[in-house]
Amino acid sequence: MDTNLQVRTVMGGADLQVRKLEKVFASFDTDADGVIDLLDFTGMAQTYCDAYGIAPRTERWRKIHGCALVMWRAVEQRTGTLNPAKLTKQDWVSWMGSNEYADFVMRAAIPFSMAAFSIADADNDGRCDVDEMMAAQRRSGMSEEEVRRSFDLLDSDGDGYVTAENFAQALDEFYFSDDPDAPGNSIAGDL
């Protein structure tokens, strides 16, 4: 995956990108109060732990909660305040296209999602089947039909599994691609 942040920025204001960012904002805003704050990120991490039966204070629990904290710290930097930092949907969308946004995606959002993928991959074989992916996606607001459609798009070879590599590519497409047909656009549900 290319980490050159100058290359990874997207064109600001593209309708597809805005829809994707609004969709991910809704999944990040776990308490649905219209802002993203610390409780939303810890809540999101705990949603994944609950969905997959990850016990508190275990290595996997610490990893995803640590990734959530990295995302939160990036939001604190974005808002310029530490107490209480909150990011509105308008602030979130206006962040799109900047090097700061690309940095957040590459260093915080994608690592968090990959940590969630590794939790879903209970046998550590580097891939998930539809049922493994379904547990958390359903809790994050996607319908069963949306999860199945997304899974089918991400399972590029049709073997019944999405690999970590497929998932990482889909995340990159979701956050950076302007291609309306990119499979990664489905990762957060229907747009």
C-alpha atoms as a PDB file:
ATOM      1  CA  MET A   1       0.000   0.000   0.000  1.00  0.00           C
ATOM      2  CA  ASP A   2       1.372   3.400  -0.979  1.00  0.00           C
ATOM      3  CA  THR A   3       2.003   5.603   2.037  1.00  0.00           C
ATOM      4  CA  ASN A   4       3.113   8.728   0.209  1.00  0.00           C
ATOM      5  CA  LEU A   5       0.585  11.161   1.632  1.00  0.00           C
ATOM      6  CA  GLN A   6       1.006  13.650  -1.194  1.00  0.00           C
ATOM      7  CA  VAL A   7      -0.057  10.936  -3.658  1.00  0.00           C
ATOM      8  CA  ARG A   8      -2.822   9.489  -1.448  1.00  0.00           C
ATOM      9  CA  THR A   9      -4.964  12.613  -1.146  1.00  0.00           C
ATOM     10  CA  VAL A  10      -8.309  12.651  -2.916  1.00  0.00           C
ATOM     11  CA  MET A  11     -10.027  15.444  -4.722  1.00  0.00           C
ATOM     12  CA  GLY A  12     -11.978  17.448  -2.150  1.00  0.00           C
ATOM     13  CA  GLY A  13     -15.740  17.693  -2.541  1.00  0.00           C
ATOM     14  CA  ALA A  14     -16.361  14.714  -4.824  1.00  0.00           C
ATOM     15  CA  ASP A  15     -19.924  13.496  -4.246  1.00  0.00           C
ATOM     16  CA  LEU A  16     -18.891   9.850  -3.929  1.00  0.00           C
ATOM     17  CA  GLN A  17     -16.205  10.699  -1.362  1.00  0.00           C
ATOM     18  CA  VAL A  18     -18.658  12.802   0.653  1.00  0.00           C
ATOM     19  CA  ARG A  19     -21.196   9.940   0.731  1.00  0.00           C
ATOM     20  CA  LYS A  20     -18.501   7.529   1.881  1.00  0.00           C
ATOM     21  CA  LEU A  21     -17.308   9.900   4.606  1.00  0.00           C
ATOM     22  CA  GLU A  22     -20.868  10.493   5.804  1.00  0.00           C
ATOM     23  CA  LYS A  23     -21.378   6.737   5.968  1.00  0.00           C
ATOM     24  CA  VAL A  24     -18.218   6.158   7.992  1.00  0.00           C
ATOM     25  CA  PHE A  25     -19.049   9.120  10.251  1.00  0.00           C
ATOM     26  CA  ALA A  26     -22.334   7.415  11.120  1.00  0.00           C
ATOM     27  CA  SER A  27     -20.506   4.200  12.015  1.00  0.00           C
ATOM     28  CA  PHE A  28     -17.933   6.100  14.106  1.00  0.00           C
ATOM     29  CA  ASP A  29     -20.695   8.050  15.924  1.00  0.00           C
ATOM     30  CA  THR A  30     -21.657   5.028  18.021  1.00  0.00           C
ATOM     31  CA  ASP A  31     -23.938   6.967  20.367  1.00  0.00           C
ATOM     32  CA  ALA A  32     -25.617   8.803  17.443  1.00  0.00           C
ATOM     33  CA  ASP A  33     -25.298  12.245  19.065  1.00  0.00           C
ATOM     34  CA  GLY A  34     -24.036  13.937  15.886  1.00  0.00           C
ATOM     35  CA  VAL A  35     -20.409  14.275  16.977  1.00  0.00           C
ATOM     36  CA  ILE A  36     -17.441  11.953  17.238  1.00  0.00           C
ATOM     37  CA  ASP A  37     -15.756  11.980  20.627  1.00  0.00           C
ATOM     38  CA  LEU A  38     -13.645   9.692  22.791  1.00  0.00           C
ATOM     39  CA  LEU A  39     -16.620   7.602  23.891  1.00  0.00           C
ATOM     40  CA  ASP A  40     -17.471   6.854  20.269  1.00  0.00           C
ATOM     41  CA  PHE A  41     -14.026   5.412  19.568  1.00  0.00           C
ATOM     42  CA  THR A  42     -13.900   3.336  22.735  1.00  0.00           C
ATOM     43  CA  GLY A  43     -17.478   2.237  22.038  1.00  0.00           C
ATOM     44  CA  MET A  44     -16.569   1.179  18.524  1.00  0.00           C
ATOM     45  CA  ALA A  45     -13.595  -0.848  19.771  1.00  0.00           C
ATOM     46  CA  GLN A  46     -15.758  -2.495  22.405  1.00  0.00           C
ATOM     47  CA  THR A  47     -18.432  -3.316  19.817  1.00  0.00           C
ATOM     48  CA  TYR A  48     -15.875  -5.409  17.935  1.00  0.00           C
ATOM     49  CA  CYS A  49     -14.661  -7.049  21.139  1.00  0.00           C
ATOM     50  CA  ASP A  50     -18.226  -7.909  22.150  1.00  0.00           C
ATOM     51  CA  ALA A  51     -19.102  -9.215  18.685  1.00  0.00           C
ATOM     52  CA  TYR A  52     -16.191 -11.660  18.742  1.00  0.00           C
ATOM     53  CA  GLY A  53     -16.061 -12.506  22.447  1.00  0.00           C
ATOM     54  CA  ILE A  54     -12.722 -10.810  23.080  1.00  0.00           C
ATOM     55  CA  ALA A  55     -12.072 -10.731  26.812  1.00  0.00           C
ATOM     56  CA  PRO A  56     -11.012  -7.447  28.433  1.00  0.00           C
ATOM     57  CA  ARG A  57      -7.324  -6.794  28.893  1.00  0.00           C
ATOM     58  CA  THR A  58      -6.221  -9.543  26.512  1.00  0.00           C
ATOM     59  CA  GLU A  59      -3.671  -8.822  23.784  1.00  0.00           C
ATOM     60  CA  ARG A  60      -6.365  -8.561  21.105  1.00  0.00           C
ATOM     61  CA  TRP A  61      -8.513  -6.312  23.310  1.00  0.00           C
ATOM     62  CA  ARG A  62      -5.540  -4.023  23.964  1.00  0.00           C
ATOM     63  CA  LYS A  63      -4.653  -3.879  20.274  1.00  0.00           C
ATOM     64  CA  ILE A  64      -8.028  -2.692  19.038  1.00  0.00           C
ATOM     65  CA  HIS A  65      -8.530  -0.318  21.948  1.00  0.00           C
ATOM     66  CA  GLY A  66      -5.021   1.048  21.323  1.00  0.00           C
ATOM     67  CA  CYS A  67      -5.889   1.611  17.662  1.00  0.00           C
ATOM     68  CA  ALA A  68      -9.084   3.408  18.728  1.00  0.00           C
ATOM     69  CA  LEU A  69      -6.999   5.667  20.959  1.00  0.00           C
ATOM     70  CA  VAL A  70      -4.699   6.503  18.029  1.00  0.00           C
ATOM     71  CA  MET A  71      -7.781   7.542  16.024  1.00  0.00           C
ATOM     72  CA  TRP A  72      -9.007   9.632  18.923  1.00  0.00           C
ATOM     73  CA  ARG A  73      -5.657  11.414  19.281  1.00  0.00           C
ATOM     74  CA  ALA A  74      -5.822  12.327  15.594  1.00  0.00           C
ATOM     75  CA  VAL A  75      -9.292  13.812  16.138  1.00  0.00           C
ATOM     76  CA  GLU A  76      -7.971  15.792  19.105  1.00  0.00           C
ATOM     77  CA  GLN A  77      -5.261  17.195  16.869  1.00  0.00           C
ATOM     78  CA  ARG A  78      -7.826  18.007  14.184  1.00  0.00           C
ATOM     79  CA  THR A  79     -10.139  19.855  16.556  1.00  0.00           C
ATOM     80  CA  GLY A  80      -7.258  21.667  18.276  1.00  0.00           C
ATOM     81  CA  THR A  81      -8.688  21.047  21.705  1.00  0.00           C
ATOM     82  CA  LEU A  82      -8.179  18.360  24.279  1.00  0.00           C
ATOM     83  CA  ASN A  83     -11.140  18.902  26.571  1.00  0.00           C
ATOM     84  CA  PRO A  84     -13.651  18.012  25.226  1.00  0.00           C
ATOM     85  CA  ALA A  85     -12.686  17.355  21.627  1.00  0.00           C
ATOM     86  CA  LYS A  86     -15.589  16.669  19.295  1.00  0.00           C
ATOM     87  CA  LEU A  87     -15.772  16.384  15.548  1.00  0.00           C
ATOM     88  CA  THR A  88     -19.020  17.174  13.732  1.00  0.00           C
ATOM     89  CA  LYS A  89     -20.023  15.560  10.431  1.00  0.00           C
ATOM     90  CA  GLN A  90     -19.375  18.871   8.676  1.00  0.00           C
ATOM     91  CA  ASP A  91     -15.877  19.053  10.224  1.00  0.00           C
ATOM     92  CA  TRP A  92     -15.261  15.433   9.249  1.00  0.00           C
ATOM     93  CA  VAL A  93     -16.258  15.934   5.609  1.00  0.00           C
ATOM     94  CA  SER A  94     -14.317  19.213   5.331  1.00  0.00           C
ATOM     95  CA  TRP A  95     -11.180  17.307   6.372  1.00  0.00           C
ATOM     96  CA  MET A  96     -11.355  15.266   3.142  1.00  0.00           C
ATOM     97  CA  GLY A  97      -8.662  15.820   0.575  1.00  0.00           C
ATOM     98  CA  SER A  98      -6.098  17.273   2.949  1.00  0.00           C
ATOM     99  CA  ASN A  99      -2.730  15.736   3.762  1.00  0.00           C
ATOM    100  CA  GLU A 100      -3.892  15.672   7.393  1.00  0.00           C
ATOM    101  CA  TYR A 101      -6.870  13.509   6.372  1.00  0.00           C
ATOM    102  CA  ALA A 102      -4.648  11.153   4.368  1.00  0.00           C
ATOM    103  CA  ASP A 103      -2.349  10.865   7.372  1.00  0.00           C
ATOM    104  CA  PHE A 104      -5.324  10.052   9.631  1.00  0.00           C
ATOM    105  CA  VAL A 105      -6.537   7.361   7.240  1.00  0.00           C
ATOM    106  CA  MET A 106      -3.132   5.735   6.754  1.00  0.00           C
ATOM    107  CA  ARG A 107      -1.949   5.919  10.362  1.00  0.00           C
ATOM    108  CA  ALA A 108      -5.204   5.556  12.289  1.00  0.00           C
ATOM    109  CA  ALA A 109      -8.383   4.536  10.397  1.00  0.00           C
ATOM    110  CA  ILE A 110      -6.905   1.722   8.295  1.00  0.00           C
ATOM    111  CA  PRO A 111      -4.878   0.236  11.182  1.00  0.00           C
ATOM    112  CA  PHE A 112      -8.039   0.258  13.335  1.00  0.00           C
ATOM    113  CA  SER A 113     -10.017  -1.540  10.632  1.00  0.00           C
ATOM    114  CA  MET A 114      -7.216  -4.056  10.133  1.00  0.00           C
ATOM    115  CA  ALA A 115      -7.182  -4.714  13.903  1.00  0.00           C
ATOM    116  CA  ALA A 116     -10.937  -5.338  13.688  1.00  0.00           C
ATOM    117  CA  PHE A 117     -10.337  -7.712  10.767  1.00  0.00           C
ATOM    118  CA  SER A 118      -7.751  -9.637  12.803  1.00  0.00           C
ATOM    119  CA  ILE A 119     -10.245  -9.982  15.665  1.00  0.00           C
ATOM    120  CA  ALA A 120     -12.814 -11.398  13.239  1.00  0.00           C
ATOM    121  CA  ASP A 121     -10.155 -13.806  11.948  1.00  0.00           C
ATOM    122  CA  ALA A 122     -10.371 -16.011  15.036  1.00  0.00           C
ATOM    123  CA  ASP A 123      -8.131 -18.780  13.662  1.00  0.00           C
ATOM    124  CA  ASN A 124      -5.459 -16.306  12.479  1.00  0.00           C
ATOM    125  CA  ASP A 125      -5.330 -17.713   8.952  1.00  0.00           C
ATOM    126  CA  GLY A 126      -5.363 -14.241   7.373  1.00  0.00           C
ATOM    127  CA  ARG A 127      -8.884 -14.464   6.002  1.00  0.00           C
ATOM    128  CA  CYS A 128     -12.529 -14.198   7.066  1.00  0.00           C
ATOM    129  CA  ASP A 129     -15.661 -15.866   5.800  1.00  0.00           C
ATOM    130  CA  VAL A 130     -18.978 -14.044   5.539  1.00  0.00           C
ATOM    131  CA  ASP A 131     -20.152 -15.150   8.990  1.00  0.00           C
ATOM    132  CA  GLU A 132     -16.956 -13.888  10.624  1.00  0.00           C
ATOM    133  CA  MET A 133     -17.381 -10.516   8.946  1.00  0.00           C
ATOM    134  CA  MET A 134     -21.100 -10.410   9.632  1.00  0.00           C
ATOM    135  CA  ALA A 135     -20.867 -10.318  13.441  1.00  0.00           C
ATOM    136  CA  ALA A 136     -19.375  -6.849  13.758  1.00  0.00           C
ATOM    137  CA  GLN A 137     -20.710  -5.304  10.564  1.00  0.00           C
ATOM    138  CA  ARG A 138     -24.280  -5.981  11.654  1.00  0.00           C
ATOM    139  CA  ARG A 139     -23.581  -4.302  15.011  1.00  0.00           C
ATOM    140  CA  SER A 140     -22.141  -1.276  13.227  1.00  0.00           C
ATOM    141  CA  GLY A 141     -25.385  -0.676  11.358  1.00  0.00           C
ATOM    142  CA  MET A 142     -25.077  -2.652   8.123  1.00  0.00           C
ATOM    143  CA  SER A 143     -27.954  -4.899   7.125  1.00  0.00           C
ATOM    144  CA  GLU A 144     -27.310  -8.580   6.490  1.00  0.00           C
ATOM    145  CA  GLU A 145     -27.907  -7.972   2.777  1.00  0.00           C
ATOM    146  CA  GLU A 146     -25.349  -5.117   2.725  1.00  0.00           C
ATOM    147  CA  VAL A 147     -22.751  -7.309   4.445  1.00  0.00           C
ATOM    148  CA  ARG A 148     -23.324 -10.126   1.962  1.00  0.00           C
ATOM    149  CA  ARG A 149     -23.105  -7.766  -1.046  1.00  0.00           C
ATOM    150  CA  SER A 150     -19.924  -6.213   0.327  1.00  0.00           C
ATOM    151  CA  PHE A 151     -18.428  -9.616   1.078  1.00  0.00           C
ATOM    152  CA  ASP A 152     -19.159 -10.876  -2.427  1.00  0.00           C
ATOM    153  CA  LEU A 153     -17.446  -7.825  -3.944  1.00  0.00           C
ATOM    154  CA  LEU A 154     -14.395  -8.181  -1.687  1.00  0.00           C
ATOM    155  CA  ASP A 155     -14.078 -11.948  -2.237  1.00  0.00           C
ATOM    156  CA  SER A 156     -12.376 -11.310  -5.559  1.00  0.00           C
ATOM    157  CA  ASP A 157     -11.558 -14.945  -6.340  1.00  0.00           C
ATOM    158  CA  GLY A 158     -14.919 -16.346  -5.174  1.00  0.00           C
ATOM    159  CA  ASP A 159     -13.382 -18.825  -2.728  1.00  0.00           C
ATOM    160  CA  GLY A 160     -15.681 -17.837   0.154  1.00  0.00           C
ATOM    161  CA  TYR A 161     -13.072 -15.777   1.994  1.00  0.00           C
ATOM    162  CA  VAL A 162     -11.861 -12.198   2.156  1.00  0.00           C
ATOM    163  CA  THR A 163      -8.144 -12.102   2.846  1.00  0.00           C
ATOM    164  CA  ALA A 164      -6.362  -9.454   4.882  1.00  0.00           C
ATOM    165  CA  GLU A 165      -4.875  -8.225   1.604  1.00  0.00           C
ATOM    166  CA  ASN A 166      -8.343  -7.972  -0.014  1.00  0.00           C
ATOM    167  CA  PHE A 167      -9.581  -6.079   3.017  1.00  0.00           C
ATOM    168  CA  ALA A 168      -6.616  -3.667   3.082  1.00  0.00           C
ATOM    169  CA  GLN A 169      -7.137  -2.935  -0.625  1.00  0.00           C
ATOM    170  CA  ALA A 170     -10.838  -2.333   0.002  1.00  0.00           C
ATOM    171  CA  LEU A 171     -10.038   0.126   2.787  1.00  0.00           C
ATOM    172  CA  ASP A 172      -7.668   2.004   0.509  1.00  0.00           C
ATOM    173  CA  GLU A 173     -10.377   2.148  -2.171  1.00  0.00           C
ATOM    174  CA  PHE A 174     -12.993   3.258   0.322  1.00  0.00           C
ATOM    175  CA  TYR A 175     -10.982   6.169   1.652  1.00  0.00           C
ATOM    176  CA  PHE A 176      -9.156   7.273  -1.495  1.00  0.00           C
ATOM    177  CA  SER A 177     -10.789   6.032  -4.700  1.00  0.00           C
ATOM    178  CA  ASP A 178     -13.003   8.191  -6.889  1.00  0.00           C
ATOM    179  CA  ASP A 179     -13.963   5.114  -8.950  1.00  0.00           C
ATOM    180  CA  PRO A 180     -17.684   4.460  -8.342  1.00  0.00           C
ATOM    181  CA  ASP A 181     -17.195   0.787  -9.260  1.00  0.00           C
ATOM    182  CA  ALA A 182     -14.355   0.093  -6.800  1.00  0.00           C
ATOM    183  CA  PRO A 183     -15.307  -2.900  -4.622  1.00  0.00           C
ATOM    184  CA  GLY A 184     -14.030  -1.116  -1.515  1.00  0.00           C
ATOM    185  CA  ASN A 185     -16.843   1.415  -1.759  1.00  0.00           C
ATOM    186  CA  SER A 186     -19.120  -1.244  -0.246  1.00  0.00           C
ATOM    187  CA  ILE A 187     -17.075  -1.762   2.912  1.00  0.00           C
ATOM    188  CA  ALA A 188     -19.342   0.407   5.092  1.00  0.00           C
ATOM    189  CA  GLY A 189     -22.584  -0.613   3.395  1.00  0.00           C
ATOM    190  CA  ASP A 190     -24.684   0.803   0.605  1.00  0.00           C
ATOM    191  CA  LEU A 191     -23.959   4.377  -0.370  1.00  0.00           C
END
